[in-house]
Amino acid sequence: MILAQVSISPLGSGTSVSAHVRKVLSSLKDEPVTCHTNAMATVIEAETTDQIFTAVKHAHDALINEPGVNRVITELKIDHRTDKDATAKAKVDAATKD
């Protein structure tokens, strides 16, 4: 499993972005990826980097033509392990076990 963290920031639409986050999350539901959203970003799990790049492109594109959005900044970080099949849950469990 490949993990990615994506943060998509619309600019020009005011300080609240929750409606835009909902739009992004809605676009990600159509992708063959698993998503875990937190207060600062969304973690994506996928089988391939192509799936991640396509999902992020669609999420970015979902905002770029929204009314009031003049600019979109997308940040992407990828964790691609080849020695084992890691999931987001496994990483959190390993870091928080007693």
PDB file of N, CA and C in Angstrom:
ATOM      1  N   MET A   1       0.843  -1.171   0.000  1.00  0.00           N
ATOM      2  CA  MET A   1       0.000   0.000   0.000  1.00  0.00           C
ATOM      3  C   MET A   1       0.893   1.241   0.000  1.00  0.00           C
ATOM      4  N   ILE A   2       0.521   2.215  -0.792  1.00  0.00           N
ATOM      5  CA  ILE A   2       1.234   3.486  -0.852  1.00  0.00           C
ATOM      6  C   ILE A   2       0.391   4.517  -0.111  1.00  0.00           C
ATOM      7  N   LEU A   3       1.052   5.299   0.738  1.00  0.00           N
ATOM      8  CA  LEU A   3       0.357   6.339   1.491  1.00  0.00           C
ATOM      9  C   LEU A   3       0.736   7.705   0.952  1.00  0.00           C
ATOM     10  N   ALA A   4      -0.212   8.613   0.982  1.00  0.00           N
ATOM     11  CA  ALA A   4       0.048   9.984   0.566  1.00  0.00           C
ATOM     12  C   ALA A   4      -0.734  10.915   1.478  1.00  0.00           C
ATOM     13  N   GLN A   5      -0.173  12.081   1.697  1.00  0.00           N
ATOM     14  CA  GLN A   5      -0.878  13.123   2.435  1.00  0.00           C
ATOM     15  C   GLN A   5      -1.077  14.286   1.478  1.00  0.00           C
ATOM     16  N   VAL A   6      -2.313  14.733   1.348  1.00  0.00           N
ATOM     17  CA  VAL A   6      -2.607  15.842   0.456  1.00  0.00           C
ATOM     18  C   VAL A   6      -3.325  16.950   1.225  1.00  0.00           C
ATOM     19  N   SER A   7      -2.918  18.163   0.931  1.00  0.00           N
ATOM     20  CA  SER A   7      -3.569  19.347   1.482  1.00  0.00           C
ATOM     21  C   SER A   7      -3.839  20.272   0.308  1.00  0.00           C
ATOM     22  N   ILE A   8      -5.108  20.606   0.109  1.00  0.00           N
ATOM     23  CA  ILE A   8      -5.500  21.462  -1.005  1.00  0.00           C
ATOM     24  C   ILE A   8      -6.111  22.731  -0.433  1.00  0.00           C
ATOM     25  N   SER A   9      -5.496  23.857  -0.754  1.00  0.00           N
ATOM     26  CA  SER A   9      -5.903  25.143  -0.181  1.00  0.00           C
ATOM     27  C   SER A   9      -6.436  26.072  -1.263  1.00  0.00           C
ATOM     28  N   PRO A  10      -7.741  26.388  -1.199  1.00  0.00           N
ATOM     29  CA  PRO A  10      -8.286  27.364  -2.137  1.00  0.00           C
ATOM     30  C   PRO A  10      -8.020  28.777  -1.614  1.00  0.00           C
ATOM     31  N   LEU A  11      -7.634  29.669  -2.488  1.00  0.00           N
ATOM     32  CA  LEU A  11      -7.390  31.055  -2.094  1.00  0.00           C
ATOM     33  C   LEU A  11      -8.372  31.963  -2.815  1.00  0.00           C
ATOM     34  N   GLY A  12      -8.781  33.018  -2.117  1.00  0.00           N
ATOM     35  CA  GLY A  12      -9.690  33.984  -2.705  1.00  0.00           C
ATOM     36  C   GLY A  12     -11.132  33.750  -2.347  1.00  0.00           C
ATOM     37  N   SER A  13     -11.398  32.791  -1.452  1.00  0.00           N
ATOM     38  CA  SER A  13     -12.789  32.460  -1.134  1.00  0.00           C
ATOM     39  C   SER A  13     -13.143  32.712   0.322  1.00  0.00           C
ATOM     40  N   GLY A  14     -12.322  33.461   1.043  1.00  0.00           N
ATOM     41  CA  GLY A  14     -12.589  33.724   2.448  1.00  0.00           C
ATOM     42  C   GLY A  14     -11.796  32.801   3.349  1.00  0.00           C
ATOM     43  N   THR A  15     -12.061  32.904   4.645  1.00  0.00           N
ATOM     44  CA  THR A  15     -11.262  32.143   5.605  1.00  0.00           C
ATOM     45  C   THR A  15     -11.793  30.741   5.882  1.00  0.00           C
ATOM     46  N   SER A  16     -13.077  30.502   5.719  1.00  0.00           N
ATOM     47  CA  SER A  16     -13.631  29.171   5.955  1.00  0.00           C
ATOM     48  C   SER A  16     -13.503  28.338   4.687  1.00  0.00           C
ATOM     49  N   VAL A  17     -12.979  27.138   4.830  1.00  0.00           N
ATOM     50  CA  VAL A  17     -12.800  26.271   3.663  1.00  0.00           C
ATOM     51  C   VAL A  17     -13.580  24.965   3.769  1.00  0.00           C
ATOM     52  N   SER A  18     -14.448  24.829   4.755  1.00  0.00           N
ATOM     53  CA  SER A  18     -15.139  23.552   4.969  1.00  0.00           C
ATOM     54  C   SER A  18     -15.974  23.129   3.761  1.00  0.00           C
ATOM     55  N   ALA A  19     -16.625  24.067   3.088  1.00  0.00           N
ATOM     56  CA  ALA A  19     -17.404  23.704   1.898  1.00  0.00           C
ATOM     57  C   ALA A  19     -16.484  23.181   0.803  1.00  0.00           C
ATOM     58  N   HIS A  20     -15.292  23.763   0.693  1.00  0.00           N
ATOM     59  CA  HIS A  20     -14.331  23.307  -0.307  1.00  0.00           C
ATOM     60  C   HIS A  20     -13.772  21.940   0.064  1.00  0.00           C
ATOM     61  N   VAL A  21     -13.555  21.705   1.346  1.00  0.00           N
ATOM     62  CA  VAL A  21     -13.087  20.386   1.791  1.00  0.00           C
ATOM     63  C   VAL A  21     -14.134  19.331   1.435  1.00  0.00           C
ATOM     64  N   ARG A  22     -15.394  19.638   1.648  1.00  0.00           N
ATOM     65  CA  ARG A  22     -16.463  18.693   1.290  1.00  0.00           C
ATOM     66  C   ARG A  22     -16.445  18.403  -0.215  1.00  0.00           C
ATOM     67  N   LYS A  23     -16.193  19.422  -1.027  1.00  0.00           N
ATOM     68  CA  LYS A  23     -16.123  19.241  -2.483  1.00  0.00           C
ATOM     69  C   LYS A  23     -14.965  18.306  -2.845  1.00  0.00           C
ATOM     70  N   VAL A  24     -13.813  18.520  -2.224  1.00  0.00           N
ATOM     71  CA  VAL A  24     -12.651  17.665  -2.467  1.00  0.00           C
ATOM     72  C   VAL A  24     -12.947  16.227  -2.045  1.00  0.00           C
ATOM     73  N   LEU A  25     -13.491  16.065  -0.841  1.00  0.00           N
ATOM     74  CA  LEU A  25     -13.790  14.717  -0.350  1.00  0.00           C
ATOM     75  C   LEU A  25     -14.808  14.016  -1.240  1.00  0.00           C
ATOM     76  N   SER A  26     -15.760  14.756  -1.760  1.00  0.00           N
ATOM     77  CA  SER A  26     -16.745  14.185  -2.671  1.00  0.00           C
ATOM     78  C   SER A  26     -16.068  13.685  -3.946  1.00  0.00           C
ATOM     79  N   SER A  27     -15.111  14.453  -4.456  1.00  0.00           N
ATOM     80  CA  SER A  27     -14.406  14.024  -5.670  1.00  0.00           C
ATOM     81  C   SER A  27     -13.563  12.779  -5.405  1.00  0.00           C
ATOM     82  N   LEU A  28     -13.021  12.655  -4.203  1.00  0.00           N
ATOM     83  CA  LEU A  28     -12.194  11.493  -3.863  1.00  0.00           C
ATOM     84  C   LEU A  28     -13.008  10.215  -3.705  1.00  0.00           C
ATOM     85  N   LYS A  29     -14.306  10.335  -3.422  1.00  0.00           N
ATOM     86  CA  LYS A  29     -15.156   9.148  -3.272  1.00  0.00           C
ATOM     87  C   LYS A  29     -15.263   8.354  -4.565  1.00  0.00           C
ATOM     88  N   ASP A  30     -15.049   9.023  -5.685  1.00  0.00           N
ATOM     89  CA  ASP A  30     -15.147   8.353  -6.984  1.00  0.00           C
ATOM     90  C   ASP A  30     -13.852   7.665  -7.396  1.00  0.00           C
ATOM     91  N   GLU A  31     -12.825   7.777  -6.572  1.00  0.00           N
ATOM     92  CA  GLU A  31     -11.509   7.230  -6.917  1.00  0.00           C
ATOM     93  C   GLU A  31     -11.282   5.874  -6.231  1.00  0.00           C
ATOM     94  N   PRO A  32     -10.424   5.029  -6.801  1.00  0.00           N
ATOM     95  CA  PRO A  32     -10.131   3.721  -6.196  1.00  0.00           C
ATOM     96  C   PRO A  32      -9.067   3.831  -5.099  1.00  0.00           C
ATOM     97  N   VAL A  33      -9.309   4.733  -4.147  1.00  0.00           N
ATOM     98  CA  VAL A  33      -8.386   4.974  -3.039  1.00  0.00           C
ATOM     99  C   VAL A  33      -9.184   4.998  -1.740  1.00  0.00           C
ATOM    100  N   THR A  34      -8.476   4.864  -0.621  1.00  0.00           N
ATOM    101  CA  THR A  34      -9.085   5.003   0.700  1.00  0.00           C
ATOM    102  C   THR A  34      -8.576   6.304   1.304  1.00  0.00           C
ATOM    103  N   CYS A  35      -9.479   7.072   1.903  1.00  0.00           N
ATOM    104  CA  CYS A  35      -9.105   8.382   2.444  1.00  0.00           C
ATOM    105  C   CYS A  35      -9.416   8.472   3.929  1.00  0.00           C
ATOM    106  N   HIS A  36      -8.530   9.158   4.640  1.00  0.00           N
ATOM    107  CA  HIS A  36      -8.695   9.437   6.060  1.00  0.00           C
ATOM    108  C   HIS A  36      -8.454  10.936   6.235  1.00  0.00           C
ATOM    109  N   THR A  37      -9.506  11.671   6.543  1.00  0.00           N
ATOM    110  CA  THR A  37      -9.381  13.116   6.674  1.00  0.00           C
ATOM    111  C   THR A  37      -9.156  13.487   8.128  1.00  0.00           C
ATOM    112  N   ASN A  38      -8.250  14.445   8.347  1.00  0.00           N
ATOM    113  CA  ASN A  38      -8.033  14.980   9.692  1.00  0.00           C
ATOM    114  C   ASN A  38      -8.144  16.496   9.624  1.00  0.00           C
ATOM    115  N   ALA A  39      -7.824  17.173  10.684  1.00  0.00           N
ATOM    116  CA  ALA A  39      -8.021  18.618  10.762  1.00  0.00           C
ATOM    117  C   ALA A  39      -7.129  19.414   9.815  1.00  0.00           C
ATOM    118  N   MET A  40      -6.046  18.828   9.341  1.00  0.00           N
ATOM    119  CA  MET A  40      -5.084  19.583   8.544  1.00  0.00           C
ATOM    120  C   MET A  40      -4.878  19.066   7.116  1.00  0.00           C
ATOM    121  N   ALA A  41      -5.252  17.826   6.863  1.00  0.00           N
ATOM    122  CA  ALA A  41      -4.973  17.230   5.553  1.00  0.00           C
ATOM    123  C   ALA A  41      -5.808  15.964   5.386  1.00  0.00           C
ATOM    124  N   THR A  42      -5.595  15.292   4.274  1.00  0.00           N
ATOM    125  CA  THR A  42      -6.230  14.004   4.020  1.00  0.00           C
ATOM    126  C   THR A  42      -5.141  13.000   3.656  1.00  0.00           C
ATOM    127  N   VAL A  43      -5.193  11.840   4.290  1.00  0.00           N
ATOM    128  CA  VAL A  43      -4.272  10.758   3.980  1.00  0.00           C
ATOM    129  C   VAL A  43      -4.977   9.836   2.991  1.00  0.00           C
ATOM    130  N   ILE A  44      -4.271   9.501   1.938  1.00  0.00           N
ATOM    131  CA  ILE A  44      -4.802   8.631   0.889  1.00  0.00           C
ATOM    132  C   ILE A  44      -3.994   7.342   0.877  1.00  0.00           C
ATOM    133  N   GLU A  45      -4.683   6.215   0.795  1.00  0.00           N
ATOM    134  CA  GLU A  45      -4.041   4.914   0.626  1.00  0.00           C
ATOM    135  C   GLU A  45      -4.414   4.393  -0.757  1.00  0.00           C
ATOM    136  N   ALA A  46      -3.417   3.894  -1.502  1.00  0.00           N
ATOM    137  CA  ALA A  46      -3.686   3.372  -2.838  1.00  0.00           C
ATOM    138  C   ALA A  46      -2.691   2.273  -3.171  1.00  0.00           C
ATOM    139  N   GLU A  47      -3.013   1.524  -4.190  1.00  0.00           N
ATOM    140  CA  GLU A  47      -2.140   0.450  -4.653  1.00  0.00           C
ATOM    141  C   GLU A  47      -1.023   0.973  -5.546  1.00  0.00           C
ATOM    142  N   THR A  48      -1.274   2.072  -6.267  1.00  0.00           N
ATOM    143  CA  THR A  48      -0.283   2.586  -7.201  1.00  0.00           C
ATOM    144  C   THR A  48      -0.140   4.104  -7.074  1.00  0.00           C
ATOM    145  N   THR A  49       1.002   4.602  -7.506  1.00  0.00           N
ATOM    146  CA  THR A  49       1.184   6.058  -7.522  1.00  0.00           C
ATOM    147  C   THR A  49       0.274   6.690  -8.571  1.00  0.00           C
ATOM    148  N   ASP A  50      -0.009   5.995  -9.651  1.00  0.00           N
ATOM    149  CA  ASP A  50      -0.934   6.543 -10.650  1.00  0.00           C
ATOM    150  C   ASP A  50      -2.298   6.817 -10.037  1.00  0.00           C
ATOM    151  N   GLN A  51      -2.772   5.918  -9.174  1.00  0.00           N
ATOM    152  CA  GLN A  51      -4.057   6.141  -8.510  1.00  0.00           C
ATOM    153  C   GLN A  51      -4.001   7.382  -7.630  1.00  0.00           C
ATOM    154  N   ILE A  52      -2.888   7.569  -6.937  1.00  0.00           N
ATOM    155  CA  ILE A  52      -2.738   8.746  -6.080  1.00  0.00           C
ATOM    156  C   ILE A  52      -2.710  10.013  -6.921  1.00  0.00           C
ATOM    157  N   PHE A  53      -1.874  10.042  -7.951  1.00  0.00           N
ATOM    158  CA  PHE A  53      -1.760  11.243  -8.778  1.00  0.00           C
ATOM    159  C   PHE A  53      -3.088  11.587  -9.453  1.00  0.00           C
ATOM    160  N   THR A  54      -3.807  10.582  -9.922  1.00  0.00           N
ATOM    161  CA  THR A  54      -5.107  10.826 -10.555  1.00  0.00           C
ATOM    162  C   THR A  54      -6.110  11.364  -9.546  1.00  0.00           C
ATOM    163  N   ALA A  55      -6.156  10.769  -8.355  1.00  0.00           N
ATOM    164  CA  ALA A  55      -7.078  11.232  -7.322  1.00  0.00           C
ATOM    165  C   ALA A  55      -6.782  12.673  -6.920  1.00  0.00           C
ATOM    166  N   VAL A  56      -5.510  12.991  -6.748  1.00  0.00           N
ATOM    167  CA  VAL A  56      -5.124  14.352  -6.356  1.00  0.00           C
ATOM    168  C   VAL A  56      -5.434  15.334  -7.481  1.00  0.00           C
ATOM    169  N   LYS A  57      -5.196  14.946  -8.715  1.00  0.00           N
ATOM    170  CA  LYS A  57      -5.530  15.823  -9.842  1.00  0.00           C
ATOM    171  C   LYS A  57      -7.026  16.116  -9.869  1.00  0.00           C
ATOM    172  N   HIS A  58      -7.842  15.092  -9.696  1.00  0.00           N
ATOM    173  CA  HIS A  58      -9.291  15.294  -9.704  1.00  0.00           C
ATOM    174  C   HIS A  58      -9.739  16.165  -8.526  1.00  0.00           C
ATOM    175  N   ALA A  59      -9.128  15.976  -7.372  1.00  0.00           N
ATOM    176  CA  ALA A  59      -9.459  16.799  -6.206  1.00  0.00           C
ATOM    177  C   ALA A  59      -9.067  18.252  -6.449  1.00  0.00           C
ATOM    178  N   HIS A  60      -7.883  18.466  -7.005  1.00  0.00           N
ATOM    179  CA  HIS A  60      -7.414  19.820  -7.339  1.00  0.00           C
ATOM    180  C   HIS A  60      -8.369  20.461  -8.354  1.00  0.00           C
ATOM    181  N   ASP A  61      -8.697  19.711  -9.402  1.00  0.00           N
ATOM    182  CA  ASP A  61      -9.573  20.220 -10.452  1.00  0.00           C
ATOM    183  C   ASP A  61     -10.977  20.524  -9.930  1.00  0.00           C
ATOM    184  N   ALA A  62     -11.411  19.809  -8.889  1.00  0.00           N
ATOM    185  CA  ALA A  62     -12.739  20.051  -8.322  1.00  0.00           C
ATOM    186  C   ALA A  62     -12.850  21.452  -7.741  1.00  0.00           C
ATOM    187  N   LEU A  63     -11.738  22.036  -7.333  1.00  0.00           N
ATOM    188  CA  LEU A  63     -11.768  23.370  -6.730  1.00  0.00           C
ATOM    189  C   LEU A  63     -11.405  24.489  -7.683  1.00  0.00           C
ATOM    190  N   ILE A  64     -10.625  24.210  -8.695  1.00  0.00           N
ATOM    191  CA  ILE A  64     -10.049  25.279  -9.499  1.00  0.00           C
ATOM    192  C   ILE A  64     -11.100  26.133 -10.202  1.00  0.00           C
ATOM    193  N   ASN A  65     -12.262  25.584 -10.504  1.00  0.00           N
ATOM    194  CA  ASN A  65     -13.308  26.347 -11.179  1.00  0.00           C
ATOM    195  C   ASN A  65     -14.464  26.730 -10.268  1.00  0.00           C
ATOM    196  N   GLU A  66     -14.285  26.565  -8.967  1.00  0.00           N
ATOM    197  CA  GLU A  66     -15.327  26.945  -8.021  1.00  0.00           C
ATOM    198  C   GLU A  66     -15.464  28.469  -7.961  1.00  0.00           C
ATOM    199  N   PRO A  67     -16.689  28.975  -7.833  1.00  0.00           N
ATOM    200  CA  PRO A  67     -16.884  30.428  -7.718  1.00  0.00           C
ATOM    201  C   PRO A  67     -16.118  31.002  -6.523  1.00  0.00           C
ATOM    202  N   GLY A  68     -15.435  32.093  -6.749  1.00  0.00           N
ATOM    203  CA  GLY A  68     -14.698  32.757  -5.676  1.00  0.00           C
ATOM    204  C   GLY A  68     -13.297  32.223  -5.445  1.00  0.00           C
ATOM    205  N   VAL A  69     -12.965  31.089  -6.049  1.00  0.00           N
ATOM    206  CA  VAL A  69     -11.627  30.522  -5.893  1.00  0.00           C
ATOM    207  C   VAL A  69     -10.754  31.070  -7.017  1.00  0.00           C
ATOM    208  N   ASN A  70      -9.739  31.836  -6.636  1.00  0.00           N
ATOM    209  CA  ASN A  70      -8.854  32.456  -7.614  1.00  0.00           C
ATOM    210  C   ASN A  70      -7.541  31.702  -7.780  1.00  0.00           C
ATOM    211  N   ARG A  71      -7.264  30.832  -6.830  1.00  0.00           N
ATOM    212  CA  ARG A  71      -5.980  30.133  -6.827  1.00  0.00           C
ATOM    213  C   ARG A  71      -6.133  28.876  -5.966  1.00  0.00           C
ATOM    214  N   VAL A  72      -5.446  27.803  -6.335  1.00  0.00           N
ATOM    215  CA  VAL A  72      -5.465  26.565  -5.553  1.00  0.00           C
ATOM    216  C   VAL A  72      -4.023  26.119  -5.354  1.00  0.00           C
ATOM    217  N   ILE A  73      -3.662  25.888  -4.104  1.00  0.00           N
ATOM    218  CA  ILE A  73      -2.339  25.363  -3.783  1.00  0.00           C
ATOM    219  C   ILE A  73      -2.518  23.936  -3.280  1.00  0.00           C
ATOM    220  N   THR A  74      -1.864  22.997  -3.949  1.00  0.00           N
ATOM    221  CA  THR A  74      -1.963  21.586  -3.584  1.00  0.00           C
ATOM    222  C   THR A  74      -0.593  21.097  -3.152  1.00  0.00           C
ATOM    223  N   GLU A  75      -0.542  20.551  -1.941  1.00  0.00           N
ATOM    224  CA  GLU A  75       0.695  19.974  -1.410  1.00  0.00           C
ATOM    225  C   GLU A  75       0.505  18.470  -1.285  1.00  0.00           C
ATOM    226  N   LEU A  76       1.502  17.717  -1.737  1.00  0.00           N
ATOM    227  CA  LEU A  76       1.417  16.260  -1.739  1.00  0.00           C
ATOM    228  C   LEU A  76       2.705  15.663  -1.199  1.00  0.00           C
ATOM    229  N   LYS A  77       2.551  14.742  -0.270  1.00  0.00           N
ATOM    230  CA  LYS A  77       3.684  13.989   0.280  1.00  0.00           C
ATOM    231  C   LYS A  77       3.355  12.511   0.118  1.00  0.00           C
ATOM    232  N   ILE A  78       4.302  11.729  -0.409  1.00  0.00           N
ATOM    233  CA  ILE A  78       4.071  10.302  -0.658  1.00  0.00           C
ATOM    234  C   ILE A  78       5.048   9.461   0.143  1.00  0.00           C
ATOM    235  N   ASP A  79       4.519   8.421   0.790  1.00  0.00           N
ATOM    236  CA  ASP A  79       5.309   7.438   1.525  1.00  0.00           C
ATOM    237  C   ASP A  79       5.115   6.098   0.824  1.00  0.00           C
ATOM    238  N   HIS A  80       6.111   5.690   0.065  1.00  0.00           N
ATOM    239  CA  HIS A  80       6.013   4.476  -0.756  1.00  0.00           C
ATOM    240  C   HIS A  80       7.043   3.462  -0.274  1.00  0.00           C
ATOM    241  N   ARG A  81       6.592   2.548   0.567  1.00  0.00           N
ATOM    242  CA  ARG A  81       7.478   1.500   1.096  1.00  0.00           C
ATOM    243  C   ARG A  81       7.463   0.312   0.162  1.00  0.00           C
ATOM    244  N   THR A  82       8.635  -0.287  -0.010  1.00  0.00           N
ATOM    245  CA  THR A  82       8.720  -1.496  -0.826  1.00  0.00           C
ATOM    246  C   THR A  82       9.062  -2.734  -0.008  1.00  0.00           C
ATOM    247  N   ASP A  83       9.398  -2.523   1.283  1.00  0.00           N
ATOM    248  CA  ASP A  83       9.785  -3.669   2.109  1.00  0.00           C
ATOM    249  C   ASP A  83       8.608  -4.333   2.810  1.00  0.00           C
ATOM    250  N   LYS A  84       7.480  -3.615   2.918  1.00  0.00           N
ATOM    251  CA  LYS A  84       6.281  -4.222   3.495  1.00  0.00           C
ATOM    252  C   LYS A  84       5.058  -3.427   3.083  1.00  0.00           C
ATOM    253  N   ASP A  85       3.903  -4.052   3.271  1.00  0.00           N
ATOM    254  CA  ASP A  85       2.637  -3.428   2.893  1.00  0.00           C
ATOM    255  C   ASP A  85       2.097  -2.649   4.095  1.00  0.00           C
ATOM    256  N   ALA A  86       2.424  -1.382   4.174  1.00  0.00           N
ATOM    257  CA  ALA A  86       2.025  -0.554   5.312  1.00  0.00           C
ATOM    258  C   ALA A  86       0.720   0.173   5.008  1.00  0.00           C
ATOM    259  N   THR A  87      -0.116   0.311   6.020  1.00  0.00           N
ATOM    260  CA  THR A  87      -1.348   1.090   5.910  1.00  0.00           C
ATOM    261  C   THR A  87      -1.265   2.258   6.886  1.00  0.00           C
ATOM    262  N   ALA A  88      -2.160   3.206   6.720  1.00  0.00           N
ATOM    263  CA  ALA A  88      -2.195   4.342   7.640  1.00  0.00           C
ATOM    264  C   ALA A  88      -2.468   3.857   9.061  1.00  0.00           C
ATOM    265  N   LYS A  89      -3.396   2.920   9.203  1.00  0.00           N
ATOM    266  CA  LYS A  89      -3.709   2.391  10.535  1.00  0.00           C
ATOM    267  C   LYS A  89      -2.505   1.701  11.152  1.00  0.00           C
ATOM    268  N   ALA A  90      -1.778   0.916  10.373  1.00  0.00           N
ATOM    269  CA  ALA A  90      -0.603   0.222  10.893  1.00  0.00           C
ATOM    270  C   ALA A  90       0.450   1.209  11.369  1.00  0.00           C
ATOM    271  N   LYS A  91       0.623   2.301  10.651  1.00  0.00           N
ATOM    272  CA  LYS A  91       1.612   3.321  11.051  1.00  0.00           C
ATOM    273  C   LYS A  91       1.197   3.984  12.352  1.00  0.00           C
ATOM    274  N   VAL A  92      -0.078   4.318  12.480  1.00  0.00           N
ATOM    275  CA  VAL A  92      -0.554   4.951  13.717  1.00  0.00           C
ATOM    276  C   VAL A  92      -0.460   3.966  14.875  1.00  0.00           C
ATOM    277  N   ASP A  93      -0.861   2.729  14.639  1.00  0.00           N
ATOM    278  CA  ASP A  93      -0.791   1.716  15.695  1.00  0.00           C
ATOM    279  C   ASP A  93       0.643   1.514  16.169  1.00  0.00           C
ATOM    280  N   ALA A  94       1.592   1.470  15.264  1.00  0.00           N
ATOM    281  CA  ALA A  94       2.996   1.271  15.628  1.00  0.00           C
ATOM    282  C   ALA A  94       3.522   2.451  16.441  1.00  0.00           C
ATOM    283  N   ALA A  95       3.077   3.637  16.124  1.00  0.00           N
ATOM    284  CA  ALA A  95       3.568   4.842  16.824  1.00  0.00           C
ATOM    285  C   ALA A  95       2.898   5.056  18.171  1.00  0.00           C
ATOM    286  N   THR A  96       1.721   4.466  18.371  1.00  0.00           N
ATOM    287  CA  THR A  96       0.990   4.735  19.609  1.00  0.00           C
ATOM    288  C   THR A  96       0.850   3.540  20.536  1.00  0.00           C
ATOM    289  N   LYS A  97       1.446   2.398  20.167  1.00  0.00           N
ATOM    290  CA  LYS A  97       1.310   1.234  21.051  1.00  0.00           C
ATOM    291  C   LYS A  97       2.141   1.438  22.316  1.00  0.00           C
ATOM    292  N   ASP A  98       1.690   0.817  23.368  1.00  0.00           N
ATOM    293  CA  ASP A  98       2.354   0.966  24.684  1.00  0.00           C
ATOM    294  C   ASP A  98       3.596   0.122  24.774  1.00  0.00           C
TER     295      ASP A  98
END
